C-alpha atoms as a PDB file:
ATOM      1  CA  MET A   1     116.007 127.176 121.439  1.00  0.00           C
ATOM      2  CA  LYS A   2     112.348 125.650 120.408  1.00  0.00           C
ATOM      3  CA  LEU A   3     111.906 121.746 120.533  1.00  0.00           C
ATOM      4  CA  ILE A   4     111.512 121.633 116.997  1.00  0.00           C
ATOM      5  CA  ALA A   5     114.687 123.675 115.998  1.00  0.00           C
ATOM      6  CA  ALA A   6     116.888 121.208 118.065  1.00  0.00           C
ATOM      7  CA  TRP A   7     115.549 118.426 116.447  1.00  0.00           C
ATOM      8  CA  ASN A   8     116.007 119.649 113.150  1.00  0.00           C
ATOM      9  CA  GLU A   9     120.129 120.030 114.620  1.00  0.00           C
ATOM     10  CA  PHE A  10     120.131 116.638 115.687  1.00  0.00           C
ATOM     11  CA  VAL A  11     118.403 115.539 112.358  1.00  0.00           C
ATOM     12  CA  LYS A  12     121.061 117.634 110.507  1.00  0.00           C
ATOM     13  CA  GLU A  13     124.059 115.807 112.009  1.00  0.00           C
ATOM     14  CA  LYS A  14     122.365 112.372 111.932  1.00  0.00           C
ATOM     15  CA  SER A  15     121.567 112.587 108.184  1.00  0.00           C
ATOM     16  CA  ALA A  16     125.024 112.274 106.853  1.00  0.00           C
ATOM     17  CA  PHE A  17     125.346 108.626 107.898  1.00  0.00           C
ATOM     18  CA  LEU A  18     121.697 107.954 108.019  1.00  0.00           C
ATOM     19  CA  CYS A  19     119.753 105.513 105.780  1.00  0.00           C
ATOM     20  CA  PRO A  20     117.513 107.647 103.272  1.00  0.00           C
ATOM     21  CA  THR A  21     114.664 105.522 104.115  1.00  0.00           C
ATOM     22  CA  SER A  22     114.725 106.094 107.656  1.00  0.00           C
ATOM     23  CA  LEU A  23     114.962 109.663 107.134  1.00  0.00           C
ATOM     24  CA  ALA A  24     111.966 109.999 105.057  1.00  0.00           C
ATOM     25  CA  SER A  25     110.037 107.727 107.280  1.00  0.00           C
ATOM     26  CA  ASP A  26     110.979 107.551 110.723  1.00  0.00           C
ATOM     27  CA  TYR A  27     112.453 110.367 111.179  1.00  0.00           C
ATOM     28  CA  LYS A  28     109.926 112.802 109.232  1.00  0.00           C
ATOM     29  CA  GLN A  29     107.046 110.840 111.423  1.00  0.00           C
ATOM     30  CA  ALA A  30     109.171 112.468 114.439  1.00  0.00           C
ATOM     31  CA  THR A  31     109.272 115.547 112.973  1.00  0.00           C
ATOM     32  CA  LYS A  32     105.693 115.998 112.484  1.00  0.00           C
ATOM     33  CA  TRP A  33     104.901 114.821 115.885  1.00  0.00           C
ATOM     34  CA  LEU A  34     107.448 116.939 117.452  1.00  0.00           C
ATOM     35  CA  SER A  35     106.484 119.939 115.308  1.00  0.00           C
ATOM     36  CA  ASN A  36     102.810 119.585 116.999  1.00  0.00           C
ATOM     37  CA  CYS A  37     103.601 119.238 120.331  1.00  0.00           C
ATOM     38  CA  PRO A  38     102.073 121.845 122.245  1.00  0.00           C
ATOM     39  CA  THR A  39     105.494 122.276 124.523  1.00  0.00           C
ATOM     40  CA  GLN A  40     108.251 124.031 122.698  1.00  0.00           C
ATOM     41  CA  ASN A  41     110.565 124.980 125.569  1.00  0.00           C
ATOM     42  CA  ILE A  42     113.600 122.148 125.355  1.00  0.00           C
ATOM     43  CA  LYS A  43     114.071 122.829 129.552  1.00  0.00           C
ATOM     44  CA  LYS A  44     110.404 121.123 129.488  1.00  0.00           C
ATOM     45  CA  GLY A  45     111.971 117.138 128.710  1.00  0.00           C
ATOM     46  CA  ARG A  46     109.408 115.345 130.371  1.00  0.00           C
ATOM     47  CA  LYS A  47     106.257 117.672 130.127  1.00  0.00           C
ATOM     48  CA  ILE A  48     107.209 116.854 126.111  1.00  0.00           C
ATOM     49  CA  MET A  49     107.808 113.181 127.074  1.00  0.00           C
ATOM     50  CA  MET A  50     103.845 113.001 128.591  1.00  0.00           C
ATOM     51  CA  TRP A  51     102.383 114.926 126.080  1.00  0.00           C
ATOM     52  CA  ILE A  52     103.952 111.914 123.307  1.00  0.00           C
ATOM     53  CA  LEU A  53     103.091 108.998 125.632  1.00  0.00           C
ATOM     54  CA  SER A  54      99.392 110.417 125.745  1.00  0.00           C
ATOM     55  CA  GLN A  55      98.982 110.359 122.268  1.00  0.00           C
ATOM     56  CA  ASP A  56      97.782 107.316 119.426  1.00  0.00           C
ATOM     57  CA  PRO A  57      98.791 105.251 118.270  1.00  0.00           C
ATOM     58  CA  GLN A  58     100.863 103.608 121.229  1.00  0.00           C
ATOM     59  CA  LEU A  59     103.141 101.740 119.128  1.00  0.00           C
ATOM     60  CA  THR A  60     104.213 104.964 116.882  1.00  0.00           C
ATOM     61  CA  ASN A  61     104.002 106.912 120.443  1.00  0.00           C
ATOM     62  CA  ARG A  62     106.788 104.787 121.694  1.00  0.00           C
ATOM     63  CA  ARG A  63     109.031 105.085 118.992  1.00  0.00           C
ATOM     64  CA  VAL A  64     108.786 109.048 119.035  1.00  0.00           C
ATOM     65  CA  ALA A  65     109.585 108.981 122.592  1.00  0.00           C
ATOM     66  CA  MET A  66     112.816 106.930 121.818  1.00  0.00           C
ATOM     67  CA  TYR A  67     113.696 109.472 119.500  1.00  0.00           C
ATOM     68  CA  LEU A  68     113.260 112.301 121.880  1.00  0.00           C
ATOM     69  CA  LYS A  69     114.949 110.544 124.587  1.00  0.00           C
ATOM     70  CA  ALA A  70     117.938 110.066 121.965  1.00  0.00           C
ATOM     71  CA  LEU A  71     117.954 113.937 121.314  1.00  0.00           C
ATOM     72  CA  TYR A  72     117.887 114.634 125.054  1.00  0.00           C
ATOM     73  CA  LYS A  73     120.982 112.547 125.258  1.00  0.00           C
ATOM     74  CA  TRP A  74     122.526 114.650 122.226  1.00  0.00           C
ATOM     75  CA  MET A  75     121.460 117.975 123.623  1.00  0.00           C
ATOM     76  CA  ALA A  76     123.161 117.076 126.556  1.00  0.00           C
ATOM     77  CA  SER A  77     126.505 116.146 125.512  1.00  0.00           C
ATOM     78  CA  GLU A  78     129.867 117.832 126.245  1.00  0.00           C
ATOM     79  CA  ASP A  79     130.449 118.236 122.229  1.00  0.00           C
ATOM     80  CA  VAL A  80     126.994 119.973 121.897  1.00  0.00           C
ATOM     81  CA  GLU A  81     126.028 121.642 125.646  1.00  0.00           C
ATOM     82  CA  MET A  82     122.908 122.625 124.004  1.00  0.00           C
ATOM     83  CA  ILE A  83     121.372 122.277 127.596  1.00  0.00           C
ATOM     84  CA  ASP A  84     123.385 121.567 131.146  1.00  0.00           C
ATOM     85  CA  LYS A  85     121.326 118.702 132.136  1.00  0.00           C
ATOM     86  CA  ASN A  86     119.377 116.069 130.579  1.00  0.00           C
ATOM     87  CA  PRO A  87     115.862 116.116 132.321  1.00  0.00           C
ATOM     88  CA  ILE A  88     114.434 113.139 130.831  1.00  0.00           C
ATOM     89  CA  ALA A  89     117.570 110.798 131.715  1.00  0.00           C
ATOM     90  CA  ASN A  90     116.012 108.843 134.501  1.00  0.00           C
ATOM     91  CA  PHE A  91     112.639 108.758 133.220  1.00  0.00           C
ATOM     92  CA  LYS A  92     111.057 104.772 132.873  1.00  0.00           C
ATOM     93  CA  MET A  93     109.280 104.722 129.967  1.00  0.00           C
ATOM     94  CA  PRO A  94     105.930 102.394 130.200  1.00  0.00           C
ATOM     95  CA  LYS A  95     105.953  98.871 129.426  1.00  0.00           C
ATOM     96  CA  LYS A  96     105.069  98.038 125.919  1.00  0.00           C
ATOM     97  CA  PRO A  97     101.173  97.222 125.474  1.00  0.00           C
ATOM     98  CA  GLN A  98     100.725  93.561 125.102  1.00  0.00           C
ATOM     99  CA  LYS A  99     100.263  92.198 121.264  1.00  0.00           C
ATOM    100  CA  ASP A 100      99.596  89.089 119.346  1.00  0.00           C
ATOM    101  CA  ARG A 101     102.659  87.909 118.049  1.00  0.00           C
ATOM    102  CA  ASP A 102     102.862  89.154 114.240  1.00  0.00           C
ATOM    103  CA  ILE A 103     104.937  86.777 112.294  1.00  0.00           C
ATOM    104  CA  ILE A 104     102.717  85.513 109.792  1.00  0.00           C
ATOM    105  CA  VAL A 105     103.502  82.684 107.622  1.00  0.00           C
ATOM    106  CA  ILE A 106     101.455  81.230 104.552  1.00  0.00           C
ATOM    107  CA  PRO A 107     100.422  77.712 104.761  1.00  0.00           C
ATOM    108  CA  GLN A 108     101.370  75.086 102.382  1.00  0.00           C
ATOM    109  CA  THR A 109      97.909  74.709 101.918  1.00  0.00           C
ATOM    110  CA  GLU A 110      97.070  78.523 100.860  1.00  0.00           C
ATOM    111  CA  GLN A 111     100.350  78.848  99.108  1.00  0.00           C
ATOM    112  CA  LEU A 112      99.020  78.100  95.663  1.00  0.00           C
ATOM    113  CA  ILE A 113      95.651  79.940  96.197  1.00  0.00           C
ATOM    114  CA  VAL A 114      98.025  82.837  97.109  1.00  0.00           C
ATOM    115  CA  LEU A 115     100.502  82.422  94.015  1.00  0.00           C
ATOM    116  CA  THR A 116      97.811  81.582  91.428  1.00  0.00           C
ATOM    117  CA  ALA A 117      95.668  84.912  92.719  1.00  0.00           C
ATOM    118  CA  LEU A 118      99.098  86.606  91.881  1.00  0.00           C
ATOM    119  CA  GLU A 119      99.515  86.030  88.030  1.00  0.00           C
ATOM    120  CA  SER A 120      97.926  88.601  85.958  1.00  0.00           C
ATOM    121  CA  ASN A 121      96.941  89.193  82.471  1.00  0.00           C
ATOM    122  CA  ALA A 122     100.052  90.633  80.249  1.00  0.00           C
ATOM    123  CA  ARG A 123      97.239  93.021  78.731  1.00  0.00           C
ATOM    124  CA  VAL A 124      96.480  94.584  82.091  1.00  0.00           C
ATOM    125  CA  THR A 125      99.670  94.710  83.617  1.00  0.00           C
ATOM    126  CA  ARG A 126     101.917  95.286  80.524  1.00  0.00           C
ATOM    127  CA  GLY A 127     103.786  91.982  80.622  1.00  0.00           C
ATOM    128  CA  LYS A 128     104.737  91.727  84.256  1.00  0.00           C
ATOM    129  CA  ASN A 129     104.677  88.640  85.739  1.00  0.00           C
ATOM    130  CA  TRP A 130     103.318  89.193  89.942  1.00  0.00           C
ATOM    131  CA  ARG A 131     103.542  85.851  90.610  1.00  0.00           C
ATOM    132  CA  TYR A 132     107.008  85.982  89.662  1.00  0.00           C
ATOM    133  CA  TYR A 133     108.368  88.166  91.550  1.00  0.00           C
ATOM    134  CA  ALA A 134     106.146  86.603  94.839  1.00  0.00           C
ATOM    135  CA  GLU A 135     107.561  83.391  94.281  1.00  0.00           C
ATOM    136  CA  PHE A 136     110.847  84.136  93.989  1.00  0.00           C
ATOM    137  CA  MET A 137     110.787  86.184  97.501  1.00  0.00           C
ATOM    138  CA  LEU A 138     109.096  83.027  98.549  1.00  0.00           C
ATOM    139  CA  GLN A 139     111.810  80.526  97.610  1.00  0.00           C
ATOM    140  CA  THR A 140     114.779  82.469  98.361  1.00  0.00           C
ATOM    141  CA  GLY A 141     113.711  84.503 101.620  1.00  0.00           C
ATOM    142  CA  MET A 142     114.242  88.141 100.061  1.00  0.00           C
ATOM    143  CA  ARG A 143     112.930  91.464 100.742  1.00  0.00           C
ATOM    144  CA  THR A 144     110.823  93.047  98.184  1.00  0.00           C
ATOM    145  CA  GLY A 145     113.433  95.692  97.625  1.00  0.00           C
ATOM    146  CA  GLU A 146     115.861  93.093  97.265  1.00  0.00           C
ATOM    147  CA  VAL A 147     114.549  91.198  94.076  1.00  0.00           C
ATOM    148  CA  ARG A 148     113.715  94.553  92.389  1.00  0.00           C
ATOM    149  CA  ALA A 149     117.455  95.831  92.559  1.00  0.00           C
ATOM    150  CA  LEU A 150     118.330  92.130  91.289  1.00  0.00           C
ATOM    151  CA  ARG A 151     120.212  92.539  88.063  1.00  0.00           C
ATOM    152  CA  TRP A 152     120.798  89.471  85.670  1.00  0.00           C
ATOM    153  CA  ASP A 153     124.884  89.744  86.307  1.00  0.00           C
ATOM    154  CA  ASP A 154     124.469  89.050  89.998  1.00  0.00           C
ATOM    155  CA  ILE A 155     123.507  85.225  88.815  1.00  0.00           C
ATOM    156  CA  LYS A 156     126.323  82.755  89.404  1.00  0.00           C
ATOM    157  CA  ASP A 157     126.638  79.303  89.451  1.00  0.00           C
ATOM    158  CA  ASN A 158     122.999  78.785  90.647  1.00  0.00           C
ATOM    159  CA  SER A 159     122.996  81.421  93.148  1.00  0.00           C
ATOM    160  CA  ILE A 160     122.587  84.905  93.015  1.00  0.00           C
ATOM    161  CA  TYR A 161     124.431  88.103  94.882  1.00  0.00           C
ATOM    162  CA  VAL A 162     122.283  89.965  97.273  1.00  0.00           C
ATOM    163  CA  HIS A 163     124.207  93.499  97.446  1.00  0.00           C
ATOM    164  CA  GLN A 164     121.646  96.064  96.583  1.00  0.00           C
ATOM    165  CA  ASN A 165     118.153  97.497  97.711  1.00  0.00           C
ATOM    166  CA  TRP A 166     115.648  98.951  95.457  1.00  0.00           C
ATOM    167  CA  THR A 167     113.897 101.537  98.180  1.00  0.00           C
ATOM    168  CA  LEU A 168     110.207 103.115  97.751  1.00  0.00           C
ATOM    169  CA  THR A 169     111.428 106.403  98.689  1.00  0.00           C
ATOM    170  CA  HIS A 170     114.917 106.433  97.179  1.00  0.00           C
ATOM    171  CA  ASN A 171     115.134 103.903  94.548  1.00  0.00           C
ATOM    172  CA  LEU A 172     118.193 102.128  94.157  1.00  0.00           C
ATOM    173  CA  LYS A 173     120.002 102.280  96.870  1.00  0.00           C
ATOM    174  CA  ASN A 174     124.001 100.512  96.658  1.00  0.00           C
ATOM    175  CA  SER A 175     123.868  98.482  99.674  1.00  0.00           C
ATOM    176  CA  THR A 176     121.036  95.899 101.432  1.00  0.00           C
ATOM    177  CA  LYS A 177     119.328  96.859 104.533  1.00  0.00           C
ATOM    178  CA  THR A 178     121.494  95.567 107.104  1.00  0.00           C
ATOM    179  CA  ASN A 179     124.389  96.954 104.676  1.00  0.00           C
ATOM    180  CA  GLU A 180     125.939  93.007 104.571  1.00  0.00           C
ATOM    181  CA  THR A 181     126.136  91.271 101.528  1.00  0.00           C
ATOM    182  CA  ARG A 182     125.438  87.820 100.769  1.00  0.00           C
ATOM    183  CA  TRP A 183     124.925  85.055  98.428  1.00  0.00           C
ATOM    184  CA  VAL A 184     122.095  82.760  98.309  1.00  0.00           C
ATOM    185  CA  PRO A 185     121.481  79.759  96.330  1.00  0.00           C
ATOM    186  CA  LEU A 186     118.565  79.185  93.622  1.00  0.00           C
ATOM    187  CA  ASN A 187     116.487  76.282  94.206  1.00  0.00           C
ATOM    188  CA  GLN A 188     115.260  74.576  90.960  1.00  0.00           C
ATOM    189  CA  THR A 189     111.614  76.561  91.329  1.00  0.00           C
ATOM    190  CA  ALA A 190     113.678  79.982  91.649  1.00  0.00           C
ATOM    191  CA  LEU A 191     115.693  78.927  88.463  1.00  0.00           C
ATOM    192  CA  ASN A 192     112.897  78.593  86.291  1.00  0.00           C
ATOM    193  CA  ILE A 193     111.473  82.082  87.215  1.00  0.00           C
ATOM    194  CA  ILE A 194     114.867  82.720  86.059  1.00  0.00           C
ATOM    195  CA  ASN A 195     114.266  81.061  82.897  1.00  0.00           C
ATOM    196  CA  LYS A 196     111.148  81.870  82.387  1.00  0.00           C
ATOM    197  CA  THR A 197     111.740  85.752  82.972  1.00  0.00           C
ATOM    198  CA  PRO A 198     112.611  88.109  79.868  1.00  0.00           C
ATOM    199  CA  HIS A 199     115.733  89.373  79.467  1.00  0.00           C
ATOM    200  CA  THR A 200     114.605  92.976  78.316  1.00  0.00           C
ATOM    201  CA  ASP A 201     116.397  95.000  80.987  1.00  0.00           C
ATOM    202  CA  GLU A 202     120.094  95.116  82.981  1.00  0.00           C
ATOM    203  CA  PHE A 203     117.313  94.149  86.277  1.00  0.00           C
ATOM    204  CA  ILE A 204     115.624  90.768  86.267  1.00  0.00           C
ATOM    205  CA  PHE A 205     112.553  92.484  87.745  1.00  0.00           C
ATOM    206  CA  PRO A 206     112.406  95.686  86.184  1.00  0.00           C
ATOM    207  CA  TRP A 207     109.009  96.471  87.753  1.00  0.00           C
ATOM    208  CA  ASN A 208     107.152  99.224  90.526  1.00  0.00           C
ATOM    209  CA  ARG A 209     107.052  98.316  93.511  1.00  0.00           C
ATOM    210  CA  TYR A 210     104.232 100.403  94.662  1.00  0.00           C
ATOM    211  CA  ALA A 211     102.395  98.330  91.699  1.00  0.00           C
ATOM    212  CA  PHE A 212     103.545  95.141  92.989  1.00  0.00           C
ATOM    213  CA  GLN A 213     102.292  95.783  96.603  1.00  0.00           C
ATOM    214  CA  SER A 214      99.168  97.555  95.637  1.00  0.00           C
ATOM    215  CA  TRP A 215      98.617  94.233  93.298  1.00  0.00           C
ATOM    216  CA  PHE A 216      99.302  91.928  95.814  1.00  0.00           C
ATOM    217  CA  TYR A 217      97.229  93.706  98.788  1.00  0.00           C
ATOM    218  CA  ASP A 218      94.264  93.846  96.013  1.00  0.00           C
ATOM    219  CA  ARG A 219      94.574  90.263  95.279  1.00  0.00           C
ATOM    220  CA  MET A 220      94.220  89.330  99.519  1.00  0.00           C
ATOM    221  CA  THR A 221      91.523  90.989  99.675  1.00  0.00           C
ATOM    222  CA  GLU A 222      89.516  89.674  97.582  1.00  0.00           C
ATOM    223  CA  LEU A 223      90.801  86.110  98.804  1.00  0.00           C
ATOM    224  CA  TYR A 224      90.327  86.944 102.354  1.00  0.00           C
ATOM    225  CA  GLN A 225      86.772  88.137 101.527  1.00  0.00           C
ATOM    226  CA  LYS A 226      86.357  85.176 100.124  1.00  0.00           C
ATOM    227  CA  GLY A 227      87.208  82.983 102.792  1.00  0.00           C
ATOM    228  CA  LEU A 228      90.001  81.684 100.835  1.00  0.00           C
ATOM    229  CA  ILE A 229      92.613  82.339 103.265  1.00  0.00           C
ATOM    230  CA  ASP A 230      93.061  82.766 106.693  1.00  0.00           C
ATOM    231  CA  LYS A 231      94.788  85.831 106.985  1.00  0.00           C
ATOM    232  CA  ARG A 232      95.269  89.103 104.500  1.00  0.00           C
ATOM    233  CA  TYR A 233      98.807  88.283 103.752  1.00  0.00           C
ATOM    234  CA  ARG A 234     101.288  91.117 103.216  1.00  0.00           C
ATOM    235  CA  PRO A 235     104.132  91.060 100.973  1.00  0.00           C
ATOM    236  CA  TYR A 236     107.148  90.334 103.620  1.00  0.00           C
ATOM    237  CA  ASP A 237     104.856  87.336 104.806  1.00  0.00           C
ATOM    238  CA  LEU A 238     106.380  85.360 101.651  1.00  0.00           C
ATOM    239  CA  ARG A 239     110.265  86.040 103.874  1.00  0.00           C
ATOM    240  CA  HIS A 240     108.133  84.913 107.168  1.00  0.00           C
ATOM    241  CA  THR A 241     107.153  81.623 105.437  1.00  0.00           C
ATOM    242  CA  ALA A 242     110.429  80.933 103.564  1.00  0.00           C
ATOM    243  CA  ILE A 243     112.717  81.911 106.696  1.00  0.00           C
ATOM    244  CA  SER A 244     110.031  79.786 109.187  1.00  0.00           C
ATOM    245  CA  ARG A 245     110.311  76.955 106.485  1.00  0.00           C
ATOM    246  CA  TRP A 246     113.569  76.742 106.401  1.00  0.00           C
ATOM    247  CA  ILE A 247     113.956  76.316 110.412  1.00  0.00           C
ATOM    248  CA  GLU A 248     111.637  73.475 110.433  1.00  0.00           C
ATOM    249  CA  ALA A 249     113.095  71.626 107.286  1.00  0.00           C
ATOM    250  CA  GLY A 250     116.136  71.549 109.880  1.00  0.00           C
ATOM    251  CA  ILE A 251     118.811  73.816 108.299  1.00  0.00           C
ATOM    252  CA  PRO A 252     120.912  75.399 110.823  1.00  0.00           C
ATOM    253  CA  VAL A 253     119.756  78.726 112.378  1.00  0.00           C
ATOM    254  CA  ALA A 254     123.389  79.933 111.394  1.00  0.00           C
ATOM    255  CA  GLN A 255     123.109  79.263 107.520  1.00  0.00           C
ATOM    256  CA  VAL A 256     119.433  80.414 107.422  1.00  0.00           C
ATOM    257  CA  ALA A 257     120.682  83.875 109.232  1.00  0.00           C
ATOM    258  CA  LYS A 258     123.590  83.792 106.277  1.00  0.00           C
ATOM    259  CA  TRP A 259     120.728  83.213 103.584  1.00  0.00           C
ATOM    260  CA  ALA A 260     118.169  86.035 104.893  1.00  0.00           C
ATOM    261  CA  GLY A 261     120.993  88.228 105.929  1.00  0.00           C
ATOM    262  CA  ASN A 262     120.436  88.766 109.383  1.00  0.00           C
ATOM    263  CA  SER A 263     121.639  87.667 112.997  1.00  0.00           C
ATOM    264  CA  THR A 264     120.466  84.338 114.184  1.00  0.00           C
ATOM    265  CA  GLU A 265     118.823  86.503 116.951  1.00  0.00           C
ATOM    266  CA  VAL A 266     116.732  88.665 114.741  1.00  0.00           C
ATOM    267  CA  ILE A 267     116.025  85.708 112.889  1.00  0.00           C
ATOM    268  CA  PHE A 268     114.248  83.917 116.113  1.00  0.00           C
ATOM    269  CA  GLN A 269     112.733  87.271 117.505  1.00  0.00           C
ATOM    270  CA  HIS A 270     111.418  88.607 114.022  1.00  0.00           C
ATOM    271  CA  TYR A 271     110.770  85.920 111.083  1.00  0.00           C
ATOM    272  CA  CYS A 272     110.526  82.774 112.525  1.00  0.00           C
ATOM    273  CA  ASN A 273     107.696  80.825 113.087  1.00  0.00           C
ATOM    274  CA  VAL A 274     105.719  77.333 112.651  1.00  0.00           C
ATOM    275  CA  THR A 275     104.609  76.661 109.473  1.00  0.00           C
ATOM    276  CA  GLN A 276     102.139  73.828 110.574  1.00  0.00           C
ATOM    277  CA  TYR A 277      99.727  72.683 113.675  1.00  0.00           C
ATOM    278  CA  TYR A 278     101.768  70.340 116.329  1.00  0.00           C
ATOM    279  CA  ASP A 279      99.473  68.458 118.385  1.00  0.00           C
ATOM    280  CA  ILE A 280     101.371  68.809 121.975  1.00  0.00           C
ATOM    281  CA  PRO A 281     102.617  65.238 123.337  1.00  0.00           C
ATOM    282  CA  VAL A 282     101.757  63.355 126.113  1.00  0.00           C
ATOM    283  CA  LEU A 283     104.501  63.265 128.251  1.00  0.00           C
END
């Protein structure tokens, strides 16, 4: 059996419980790489692995390499037995390339600049207020897709129930990214946004995610080119900013994790950064 045929069998079995977004993004990317691999003999696992790790970009080749390791482990398992022995069972992965920490927060001094730039002429954007969308993310720490999936009946006692996700590939998904539901309290700014948003649909923000991300990217590019902001911010930097500010405000990390829908370990590793400059003390 050829490599790509084995991979397709692997994906077919995994698709029964995989997130549709993962199938349409990461697994699709791995399929493309494995299809292009010049070595298709599944017994040549190490040769295949070395080819993958020689490709660019490095972060992607490592991801595909991990999928290849999972494939070979599956092929050599007792209930599959596609191969007698896993040829890359003891393959040692190279160290990750060194990179800067990529947890970006929006400084307080730039927050109003960012949000004001996202305000849109109703005639241009057909009544959609992208500032409301972005600021609601900032005040609640929600993901872009979670905000898009919010319904009016998810609001109760100044809190909102987060239980769905609007994906870019398969629209509404009846679970969150981490498959855990949560209640997030709404502060006064978030409540004001809710009160100002027209109730014209079952969803609070029934707007296109692609349009939001495109509008966000264009406005941030303009601000960055004019030197008005330090970085070209991305929509999920709003979530980073919210979580980091909650931590700096002294809110226990266990509570922050509960609001954000992640474990405390993930909060520190992937979401938390300082939101202002500190001088190192003299000891």
